[in-house]
PDB file of N, CA and C in Angstrom:
ATOM      1  N   MET A   1      92.447  29.929   5.583  1.00  0.00           N
ATOM      2  CA  MET A   1      91.799  30.201   4.150  1.00  0.00           C
ATOM      3  C   MET A   1      90.873  31.535   4.639  1.00  0.00           C
ATOM      4  N   ASN A   2      90.982  32.814   4.013  1.00  0.00           N
ATOM      5  CA  ASN A   2      90.413  33.812   4.397  1.00  0.00           C
ATOM      6  C   ASN A   2      89.303  34.221   3.527  1.00  0.00           C
ATOM      7  N   GLU A   3      88.285  35.098   3.836  1.00  0.00           N
ATOM      8  CA  GLU A   3      87.023  35.595   2.921  1.00  0.00           C
ATOM      9  C   GLU A   3      87.062  37.249   2.898  1.00  0.00           C
ATOM     10  N   LYS A   4      87.445  37.572   2.073  1.00  0.00           N
ATOM     11  CA  LYS A   4      87.172  39.141   1.857  1.00  0.00           C
ATOM     12  C   LYS A   4      85.706  39.600   1.823  1.00  0.00           C
ATOM     13  N   THR A   5      85.566  40.653   2.377  1.00  0.00           N
ATOM     14  CA  THR A   5      84.357  41.349   2.091  1.00  0.00           C
ATOM     15  C   THR A   5      84.259  42.803   2.240  1.00  0.00           C
ATOM     16  N   GLU A   6      84.608  43.799   1.266  1.00  0.00           N
ATOM     17  CA  GLU A   6      84.379  45.071   1.715  1.00  0.00           C
ATOM     18  C   GLU A   6      85.270  45.680   1.820  1.00  0.00           C
ATOM     19  N   GLY A   7      86.828  45.089   1.668  1.00  0.00           N
ATOM     20  CA  GLY A   7      87.961  45.384   2.463  1.00  0.00           C
ATOM     21  C   GLY A   7      88.207  44.972   3.780  1.00  0.00           C
ATOM     22  N   GLU A   8      87.551  44.282   3.994  1.00  0.00           N
ATOM     23  CA  GLU A   8      88.068  43.225   5.240  1.00  0.00           C
ATOM     24  C   GLU A   8      88.285  41.827   4.757  1.00  0.00           C
ATOM     25  N   THR A   9      89.013  41.241   5.620  1.00  0.00           N
ATOM     26  CA  THR A   9      89.010  39.742   5.442  1.00  0.00           C
ATOM     27  C   THR A   9      89.265  39.177   6.775  1.00  0.00           C
ATOM     28  N   ARG A  10      88.311  38.332   6.562  1.00  0.00           N
ATOM     29  CA  ARG A  10      88.080  37.699   7.903  1.00  0.00           C
ATOM     30  C   ARG A  10      88.176  35.832   8.044  1.00  0.00           C
ATOM     31  N   PRO A  11      88.411  35.207   8.699  1.00  0.00           N
ATOM     32  CA  PRO A  11      88.520  33.635   8.708  1.00  0.00           C
ATOM     33  C   PRO A  11      87.459  33.036   8.033  1.00  0.00           C
ATOM     34  N   VAL A  12      87.435  32.198   7.178  1.00  0.00           N
ATOM     35  CA  VAL A  12      86.039  31.211   6.543  1.00  0.00           C
ATOM     36  C   VAL A  12      85.903  30.310   7.364  1.00  0.00           C
ATOM     37  N   LYS A  13      84.657  29.999   8.121  1.00  0.00           N
ATOM     38  CA  LYS A  13      84.141  29.571   9.216  1.00  0.00           C
ATOM     39  C   LYS A  13      83.845  28.327   8.508  1.00  0.00           C
ATOM     40  N   ASN A  14      83.718  27.038   9.245  1.00  0.00           N
ATOM     41  CA  ASN A  14      83.260  25.478   9.108  1.00  0.00           C
ATOM     42  C   ASN A  14      81.998  25.510   9.365  1.00  0.00           C
ATOM     43  N   PRO A  15      81.136  24.700   8.368  1.00  0.00           N
ATOM     44  CA  PRO A  15      80.141  24.566   9.262  1.00  0.00           C
ATOM     45  C   PRO A  15      80.132  24.110  10.294  1.00  0.00           C
ATOM     46  N   PRO A  16      78.716  24.234  11.436  1.00  0.00           N
ATOM     47  CA  PRO A  16      78.914  23.717  12.815  1.00  0.00           C
ATOM     48  C   PRO A  16      79.096  22.206  12.813  1.00  0.00           C
ATOM     49  N   GLY A  17      79.938  21.905  14.106  1.00  0.00           N
ATOM     50  CA  GLY A  17      80.392  20.334  13.935  1.00  0.00           C
ATOM     51  C   GLY A  17      81.229  19.907  13.247  1.00  0.00           C
ATOM     52  N   LYS A  18      81.709  20.909  12.129  1.00  0.00           N
ATOM     53  CA  LYS A  18      82.537  20.096  11.032  1.00  0.00           C
ATOM     54  C   LYS A  18      84.000  21.111  11.134  1.00  0.00           C
ATOM     55  N   PRO A  19      84.901  20.468  11.733  1.00  0.00           N
ATOM     56  CA  PRO A  19      86.228  21.608  11.933  1.00  0.00           C
ATOM     57  C   PRO A  19      87.054  21.535  10.615  1.00  0.00           C
ATOM     58  N   GLU A  20      88.039  21.875  10.367  1.00  0.00           N
ATOM     59  CA  GLU A  20      88.923  22.066   9.443  1.00  0.00           C
ATOM     60  C   GLU A  20      90.176  20.728   9.208  1.00  0.00           C
ATOM     61  N   LEU A  21      90.006  20.032   8.324  1.00  0.00           N
ATOM     62  CA  LEU A  21      90.791  18.647   8.541  1.00  0.00           C
ATOM     63  C   LEU A  21      91.683  18.960   7.743  1.00  0.00           C
ATOM     64  N   ARG A  22      93.086  18.368   8.484  1.00  0.00           N
ATOM     65  CA  ARG A  22      94.259  18.412   7.175  1.00  0.00           C
ATOM     66  C   ARG A  22      95.300  17.335   7.781  1.00  0.00           C
ATOM     67  N   TYR A  23      96.236  16.984   7.040  1.00  0.00           N
ATOM     68  CA  TYR A  23      97.252  15.795   6.800  1.00  0.00           C
ATOM     69  C   TYR A  23      97.731  16.110   8.493  1.00  0.00           C
ATOM     70  N   LEU A  24      97.612  14.684   8.805  1.00  0.00           N
ATOM     71  CA  LEU A  24      97.968  14.057  10.394  1.00  0.00           C
ATOM     72  C   LEU A  24      97.099  14.228  11.477  1.00  0.00           C
ATOM     73  N   ALA A  25      95.921  15.048  11.008  1.00  0.00           N
ATOM     74  CA  ALA A  25      94.674  15.256  12.225  1.00  0.00           C
ATOM     75  C   ALA A  25      94.175  13.991  12.328  1.00  0.00           C
ATOM     76  N   GLN A  26      93.669  13.631  13.395  1.00  0.00           N
ATOM     77  CA  GLN A  26      93.398  12.224  13.933  1.00  0.00           C
ATOM     78  C   GLN A  26      92.031  12.283  14.610  1.00  0.00           C
ATOM     79  N   GLY A  27      91.003  11.622  15.118  1.00  0.00           N
ATOM     80  CA  GLY A  27      90.031  11.625  15.680  1.00  0.00           C
ATOM     81  C   GLY A  27      88.650  11.218  14.995  1.00  0.00           C
ATOM     82  N   GLU A  28      87.311  11.205  15.579  1.00  0.00           N
ATOM     83  CA  GLU A  28      86.332  10.760  15.007  1.00  0.00           C
ATOM     84  C   GLU A  28      85.842  11.589  13.589  1.00  0.00           C
ATOM     85  N   ASP A  29      85.759  12.889  13.833  1.00  0.00           N
ATOM     86  CA  ASP A  29      86.054  13.274  12.835  1.00  0.00           C
ATOM     87  C   ASP A  29      86.542  13.238  11.166  1.00  0.00           C
ATOM     88  N   VAL A  30      87.885  12.677  11.447  1.00  0.00           N
ATOM     89  CA  VAL A  30      88.715  12.177  10.228  1.00  0.00           C
ATOM     90  C   VAL A  30      87.826  10.648   9.914  1.00  0.00           C
ATOM     91  N   ALA A  31      87.543  10.080  10.767  1.00  0.00           N
ATOM     92  CA  ALA A  31      87.054   8.887  10.695  1.00  0.00           C
ATOM     93  C   ALA A  31      85.456   9.100   9.908  1.00  0.00           C
ATOM     94  N   LYS A  32      84.544  10.158  10.082  1.00  0.00           N
ATOM     95  CA  LYS A  32      83.588  10.565   9.626  1.00  0.00           C
ATOM     96  C   LYS A  32      84.005  10.553   7.984  1.00  0.00           C
ATOM     97  N   LEU A  33      84.873  11.467   7.825  1.00  0.00           N
ATOM     98  CA  LEU A  33      85.069  12.074   6.744  1.00  0.00           C
ATOM     99  C   LEU A  33      85.697  11.015   5.824  1.00  0.00           C
ATOM    100  N   GLN A  34      86.578   9.855   6.513  1.00  0.00           N
ATOM    101  CA  GLN A  34      86.898   8.704   5.225  1.00  0.00           C
ATOM    102  C   GLN A  34      85.736   7.986   5.127  1.00  0.00           C
ATOM    103  N   LYS A  35      84.575   7.911   5.787  1.00  0.00           N
ATOM    104  CA  LYS A  35      83.326   7.506   5.761  1.00  0.00           C
ATOM    105  C   LYS A  35      82.635   7.922   4.594  1.00  0.00           C
ATOM    106  N   ILE A  36      82.658   9.261   4.448  1.00  0.00           N
ATOM    107  CA  ILE A  36      81.633   9.857   3.553  1.00  0.00           C
ATOM    108  C   ILE A  36      82.585  10.084   2.007  1.00  0.00           C
ATOM    109  N   LEU A  37      83.851   9.978   2.113  1.00  0.00           N
ATOM    110  CA  LEU A  37      84.503   9.528   0.941  1.00  0.00           C
ATOM    111  C   LEU A  37      84.536   8.471   0.316  1.00  0.00           C
ATOM    112  N   ASN A  38      84.473   7.485   1.020  1.00  0.00           N
ATOM    113  CA  ASN A  38      84.213   5.888   0.785  1.00  0.00           C
ATOM    114  C   ASN A  38      82.736   5.669   0.130  1.00  0.00           C
ATOM    115  N   GLU A  39      81.334   6.360   0.446  1.00  0.00           N
ATOM    116  CA  GLU A  39      80.390   6.335   0.242  1.00  0.00           C
ATOM    117  C   GLU A  39      80.237   7.270  -1.486  1.00  0.00           C
ATOM    118  N   LYS A  40      81.157   8.225  -1.449  1.00  0.00           N
ATOM    119  CA  LYS A  40      81.332   8.849  -2.474  1.00  0.00           C
ATOM    120  C   LYS A  40      82.128   8.159  -3.471  1.00  0.00           C
ATOM    121  N   GLY A  41      82.645   7.265  -3.424  1.00  0.00           N
ATOM    122  CA  GLY A  41      83.744   6.180  -4.529  1.00  0.00           C
ATOM    123  C   GLY A  41      84.972   6.618  -4.418  1.00  0.00           C
ATOM    124  N   PHE A  42      85.522   6.892  -3.361  1.00  0.00           N
ATOM    125  CA  PHE A  42      86.898   7.434  -3.151  1.00  0.00           C
ATOM    126  C   PHE A  42      87.510   6.583  -2.122  1.00  0.00           C
ATOM    127  N   ALA A  43      87.999   5.344  -2.298  1.00  0.00           N
ATOM    128  CA  ALA A  43      88.127   4.305  -1.747  1.00  0.00           C
ATOM    129  C   ALA A  43      89.514   4.674  -0.210  1.00  0.00           C
ATOM    130  N   VAL A  44      89.415   4.908   0.795  1.00  0.00           N
ATOM    131  CA  VAL A  44      90.299   5.084   1.782  1.00  0.00           C
ATOM    132  C   VAL A  44      89.968   4.346   3.078  1.00  0.00           C
ATOM    133  N   GLU A  45      90.759   3.929   3.633  1.00  0.00           N
ATOM    134  CA  GLU A  45      90.758   2.927   4.717  1.00  0.00           C
ATOM    135  C   GLU A  45      90.468   4.032   5.970  1.00  0.00           C
ATOM    136  N   GLU A  46      89.437   3.143   6.897  1.00  0.00           N
ATOM    137  CA  GLU A  46      88.477   4.282   7.574  1.00  0.00           C
ATOM    138  C   GLU A  46      89.231   3.628   9.113  1.00  0.00           C
ATOM    139  N   THR A  47      90.642   4.569   9.093  1.00  0.00           N
ATOM    140  CA  THR A  47      91.091   4.715  10.160  1.00  0.00           C
ATOM    141  C   THR A  47      91.188   5.740  11.450  1.00  0.00           C
ATOM    142  N   GLY A  48      90.792   6.595  10.901  1.00  0.00           N
ATOM    143  CA  GLY A  48      90.436   7.970  11.904  1.00  0.00           C
ATOM    144  C   GLY A  48      91.956   8.744  11.842  1.00  0.00           C
ATOM    145  N   VAL A  49      92.696   8.526  11.100  1.00  0.00           N
ATOM    146  CA  VAL A  49      93.974   9.379  10.875  1.00  0.00           C
ATOM    147  C   VAL A  49      93.892   9.999   9.575  1.00  0.00           C
ATOM    148  N   TYR A  50      94.062  11.038   9.207  1.00  0.00           N
ATOM    149  CA  TYR A  50      94.147  11.905   8.326  1.00  0.00           C
ATOM    150  C   TYR A  50      95.843  11.689   7.633  1.00  0.00           C
ATOM    151  N   ASP A  51      95.878  10.396   6.704  1.00  0.00           N
ATOM    152  CA  ASP A  51      97.164  10.096   6.239  1.00  0.00           C
ATOM    153  C   ASP A  51      97.313  10.201   4.833  1.00  0.00           C
ATOM    154  N   MET A  52      98.030  10.131   3.984  1.00  0.00           N
ATOM    155  CA  MET A  52      98.379  10.493   2.802  1.00  0.00           C
ATOM    156  C   MET A  52      97.478   9.643   1.502  1.00  0.00           C
ATOM    157  N   GLN A  53      96.972   8.371   2.086  1.00  0.00           N
ATOM    158  CA  GLN A  53      95.642   7.866   1.422  1.00  0.00           C
ATOM    159  C   GLN A  53      94.428   8.767   1.551  1.00  0.00           C
ATOM    160  N   THR A  54      94.121   9.558   2.555  1.00  0.00           N
ATOM    161  CA  THR A  54      93.380  10.279   2.870  1.00  0.00           C
ATOM    162  C   THR A  54      93.307  11.634   2.148  1.00  0.00           C
ATOM    163  N   VAL A  55      94.841  12.206   2.250  1.00  0.00           N
ATOM    164  CA  VAL A  55      95.141  13.343   1.463  1.00  0.00           C
ATOM    165  C   VAL A  55      94.439  13.234  -0.227  1.00  0.00           C
ATOM    166  N   LYS A  56      95.217  12.019  -0.401  1.00  0.00           N
ATOM    167  CA  LYS A  56      94.897  11.777  -2.091  1.00  0.00           C
ATOM    168  C   LYS A  56      93.265  11.739  -2.348  1.00  0.00           C
ATOM    169  N   ALA A  57      92.794  11.005  -1.695  1.00  0.00           N
ATOM    170  CA  ALA A  57      91.235  10.859  -1.882  1.00  0.00           C
ATOM    171  C   ALA A  57      90.278  12.026  -1.945  1.00  0.00           C
ATOM    172  N   VAL A  58      90.346  13.067  -0.916  1.00  0.00           N
ATOM    173  CA  VAL A  58      90.285  14.189  -0.815  1.00  0.00           C
ATOM    174  C   VAL A  58      90.583  15.399  -1.924  1.00  0.00           C
ATOM    175  N   ARG A  59      92.157  14.844  -2.421  1.00  0.00           N
ATOM    176  CA  ARG A  59      92.442  15.771  -3.654  1.00  0.00           C
ATOM    177  C   ARG A  59      91.203  15.230  -5.091  1.00  0.00           C
ATOM    178  N   ALA A  60      91.330  13.613  -5.204  1.00  0.00           N
ATOM    179  CA  ALA A  60      90.546  13.237  -6.166  1.00  0.00           C
ATOM    180  C   ALA A  60      88.799  13.984  -6.221  1.00  0.00           C
ATOM    181  N   ALA A  61      88.572  13.986  -5.002  1.00  0.00           N
ATOM    182  CA  ALA A  61      86.851  14.558  -4.840  1.00  0.00           C
ATOM    183  C   ALA A  61      87.008  16.021  -4.813  1.00  0.00           C
ATOM    184  N   GLN A  62      88.148  16.848  -4.574  1.00  0.00           N
ATOM    185  CA  GLN A  62      87.974  18.015  -5.224  1.00  0.00           C
ATOM    186  C   GLN A  62      88.187  18.039  -6.156  1.00  0.00           C
ATOM    187  N   VAL A  63      89.133  17.299  -7.445  1.00  0.00           N
ATOM    188  CA  VAL A  63      89.276  17.613  -8.789  1.00  0.00           C
ATOM    189  C   VAL A  63      87.868  17.013  -9.267  1.00  0.00           C
ATOM    190  N   ALA A  64      87.306  15.840  -8.980  1.00  0.00           N
ATOM    191  CA  ALA A  64      86.119  15.558  -9.588  1.00  0.00           C
ATOM    192  C   ALA A  64      84.719  16.457  -9.596  1.00  0.00           C
ATOM    193  N   ALA A  65      84.869  17.189  -8.547  1.00  0.00           N
ATOM    194  CA  ALA A  65      84.101  18.478  -8.166  1.00  0.00           C
ATOM    195  C   ALA A  65      84.218  19.910  -8.661  1.00  0.00           C
ATOM    196  N   GLY A  66      85.291  19.769  -9.550  1.00  0.00           N
ATOM    197  CA  GLY A  66      85.805  20.952 -10.057  1.00  0.00           C
ATOM    198  C   GLY A  66      86.650  22.402  -9.251  1.00  0.00           C
ATOM    199  N   MET A  67      87.082  22.067  -8.048  1.00  0.00           N
ATOM    200  CA  MET A  67      87.506  22.656  -6.665  1.00  0.00           C
ATOM    201  C   MET A  67      89.037  22.756  -6.801  1.00  0.00           C
ATOM    202  N   PRO A  68      89.830  23.277  -6.283  1.00  0.00           N
ATOM    203  CA  PRO A  68      91.010  23.537  -6.532  1.00  0.00           C
ATOM    204  C   PRO A  68      91.568  22.084  -5.603  1.00  0.00           C
ATOM    205  N   GLN A  69      92.397  21.443  -5.971  1.00  0.00           N
ATOM    206  CA  GLN A  69      92.911  20.435  -5.023  1.00  0.00           C
ATOM    207  C   GLN A  69      93.967  20.547  -3.988  1.00  0.00           C
ATOM    208  N   THR A  70      93.356  21.121  -2.901  1.00  0.00           N
ATOM    209  CA  THR A  70      93.884  21.366  -1.560  1.00  0.00           C
ATOM    210  C   THR A  70      94.441  19.836  -0.746  1.00  0.00           C
ATOM    211  N   GLY A  71      93.497  19.122  -0.745  1.00  0.00           N
ATOM    212  CA  GLY A  71      93.937  17.714   0.020  1.00  0.00           C
ATOM    213  C   GLY A  71      93.729  18.290   1.430  1.00  0.00           C
ATOM    214  N   SER A  72      93.003  19.149   1.663  1.00  0.00           N
ATOM    215  CA  SER A  72      92.583  19.764   3.068  1.00  0.00           C
ATOM    216  C   SER A  72      91.325  19.817   3.380  1.00  0.00           C
ATOM    217  N   VAL A  73      90.517  19.334   4.235  1.00  0.00           N
ATOM    218  CA  VAL A  73      88.941  19.780   4.417  1.00  0.00           C
ATOM    219  C   VAL A  73      88.872  21.006   5.113  1.00  0.00           C
ATOM    220  N   GLN A  74      87.785  21.978   4.349  1.00  0.00           N
ATOM    221  CA  GLN A  74      87.667  23.440   5.038  1.00  0.00           C
ATOM    222  C   GLN A  74      86.250  23.281   4.487  1.00  0.00           C
ATOM    223  N   GLU A  75      85.392  24.572   4.944  1.00  0.00           N
ATOM    224  CA  GLU A  75      83.936  24.765   4.543  1.00  0.00           C
ATOM    225  C   GLU A  75      83.761  24.288   2.836  1.00  0.00           C
ATOM    226  N   ASP A  76      84.520  24.887   2.056  1.00  0.00           N
ATOM    227  CA  ASP A  76      83.924  24.386   0.784  1.00  0.00           C
ATOM    228  C   ASP A  76      83.972  23.095   0.773  1.00  0.00           C
ATOM    229  N   THR A  77      84.940  21.883   0.869  1.00  0.00           N
ATOM    230  CA  THR A  77      84.727  20.720   0.627  1.00  0.00           C
ATOM    231  C   THR A  77      84.126  19.939   1.381  1.00  0.00           C
ATOM    232  N   TRP A  78      83.743  20.430   2.587  1.00  0.00           N
ATOM    233  CA  TRP A  78      82.384  20.063   3.250  1.00  0.00           C
ATOM    234  C   TRP A  78      81.005  19.955   2.874  1.00  0.00           C
ATOM    235  N   ARG A  79      80.901  21.442   2.396  1.00  0.00           N
ATOM    236  CA  ARG A  79      79.515  21.977   1.693  1.00  0.00           C
ATOM    237  C   ARG A  79      79.728  20.592   0.555  1.00  0.00           C
ATOM    238  N   MET A  80      80.629  20.571  -0.581  1.00  0.00           N
ATOM    239  CA  MET A  80      80.511  19.614  -1.534  1.00  0.00           C
ATOM    240  C   MET A  80      80.144  18.501  -1.115  1.00  0.00           C
ATOM    241  N   LEU A  81      80.960  17.857  -0.535  1.00  0.00           N
ATOM    242  CA  LEU A  81      80.845  16.508   0.150  1.00  0.00           C
ATOM    243  C   LEU A  81      79.175  16.291   0.671  1.00  0.00           C
ATOM    244  N   ALA A  82      78.793  17.482   1.532  1.00  0.00           N
ATOM    245  CA  ALA A  82      77.376  17.003   1.765  1.00  0.00           C
ATOM    246  C   ALA A  82      75.858  17.088   0.855  1.00  0.00           C
ATOM    247  N   LYS A  83      76.680  17.904  -0.277  1.00  0.00           N
ATOM    248  CA  LYS A  83      75.479  18.348  -1.449  1.00  0.00           C
ATOM    249  C   LYS A  83      75.745  17.000  -2.486  1.00  0.00           C
ATOM    250  N   THR A  84      76.632  16.486  -2.387  1.00  0.00           N
ATOM    251  CA  THR A  84      76.730  15.565  -3.595  1.00  0.00           C
ATOM    252  C   THR A  84      76.099  14.127  -2.849  1.00  0.00           C
ATOM    253  N   THR A  85      74.970  14.018  -3.581  1.00  0.00           N
ATOM    254  CA  THR A  85      74.497  12.566  -3.329  1.00  0.00           C
ATOM    255  C   THR A  85      74.988  11.538  -3.715  1.00  0.00           C
ATOM    256  N   LYS A  86      75.645  11.400  -4.970  1.00  0.00           N
ATOM    257  CA  LYS A  86      76.097  10.109  -5.880  1.00  0.00           C
ATOM    258  C   LYS A  86      77.592  10.032  -5.788  1.00  0.00           C
ATOM    259  N   LYS A  87      78.110   9.187  -6.243  1.00  0.00           N
ATOM    260  CA  LYS A  87      79.596   9.053  -6.358  1.00  0.00           C
ATOM    261  C   LYS A  87      80.003   9.794  -7.614  1.00  0.00           C
ATOM    262  N   LEU A  88      81.129  10.594  -7.025  1.00  0.00           N
ATOM    263  CA  LEU A  88      81.870  11.254  -8.246  1.00  0.00           C
ATOM    264  C   LEU A  88      82.640  10.448  -8.967  1.00  0.00           C
ATOM    265  N   LYS A  89      83.118  11.038 -10.089  1.00  0.00           N
ATOM    266  CA  LYS A  89      83.827  10.423 -11.275  1.00  0.00           C
ATOM    267  C   LYS A  89      85.292  10.521 -10.683  1.00  0.00           C
ATOM    268  N   GLN A  90      86.083   9.914 -10.385  1.00  0.00           N
ATOM    269  CA  GLN A  90      87.293   9.891 -10.387  1.00  0.00           C
ATOM    270  C   GLN A  90      87.695  10.300 -11.866  1.00  0.00           C
ATOM    271  N   GLN A  91      89.132  11.635 -11.346  1.00  0.00           N
ATOM    272  CA  GLN A  91      89.805  12.023 -12.387  1.00  0.00           C
ATOM    273  C   GLN A  91      91.061  11.920 -11.964  1.00  0.00           C
ATOM    274  N   GLU A  92      91.884  12.090 -13.038  1.00  0.00           N
ATOM    275  CA  GLU A  92      93.635  11.713 -12.640  1.00  0.00           C
ATOM    276  C   GLU A  92      93.809  12.983 -11.646  1.00  0.00           C
ATOM    277  N   VAL A  93      94.534  12.905 -10.631  1.00  0.00           N
ATOM    278  CA  VAL A  93      94.542  13.839  -9.603  1.00  0.00           C
ATOM    279  C   VAL A  93      96.482  14.200  -9.976  1.00  0.00           C
ATOM    280  N   THR A  94      96.464  15.200  -9.661  1.00  0.00           N
ATOM    281  CA  THR A  94      98.010  15.725  -9.863  1.00  0.00           C
ATOM    282  C   THR A  94      98.777  15.378  -8.596  1.00  0.00           C
ATOM    283  N   GLU A  95     100.087  15.438  -8.701  1.00  0.00           N
ATOM    284  CA  GLU A  95     100.183  15.334  -7.152  1.00  0.00           C
ATOM    285  C   GLU A  95     101.049  16.702  -6.784  1.00  0.00           C
ATOM    286  N   ASN A  96     100.354  17.227  -6.037  1.00  0.00           N
ATOM    287  CA  ASN A  96     101.165  18.857  -5.579  1.00  0.00           C
ATOM    288  C   ASN A  96     101.368  18.841  -3.999  1.00  0.00           C
ATOM    289  N   ALA A  97     102.301  17.700  -3.863  1.00  0.00           N
ATOM    290  CA  ALA A  97     102.605  17.719  -2.184  1.00  0.00           C
ATOM    291  C   ALA A  97     102.925  18.778  -1.693  1.00  0.00           C
TER     292      ALA A  97
END
């Protein structure tokens, strides 16, 4: 994802300590994401693997927050998850694999 500023395109940076996460990523950051998703009301098994269950939970959270449903976690999704203090209302998520 890129951000444009006055004719210049530069990569969008993720918050410090928050990497971009997507399908098949693994590790502690994915486990933290899965824990946050559960806290926000999006049930996902906390395995540390960014599997299809995690992709669907991220899409559902993005839709509930009025964001484009990418299924990956970048700066905008990290910010949304950090700012949202209550459980999000789950909505129907279309399948855009």
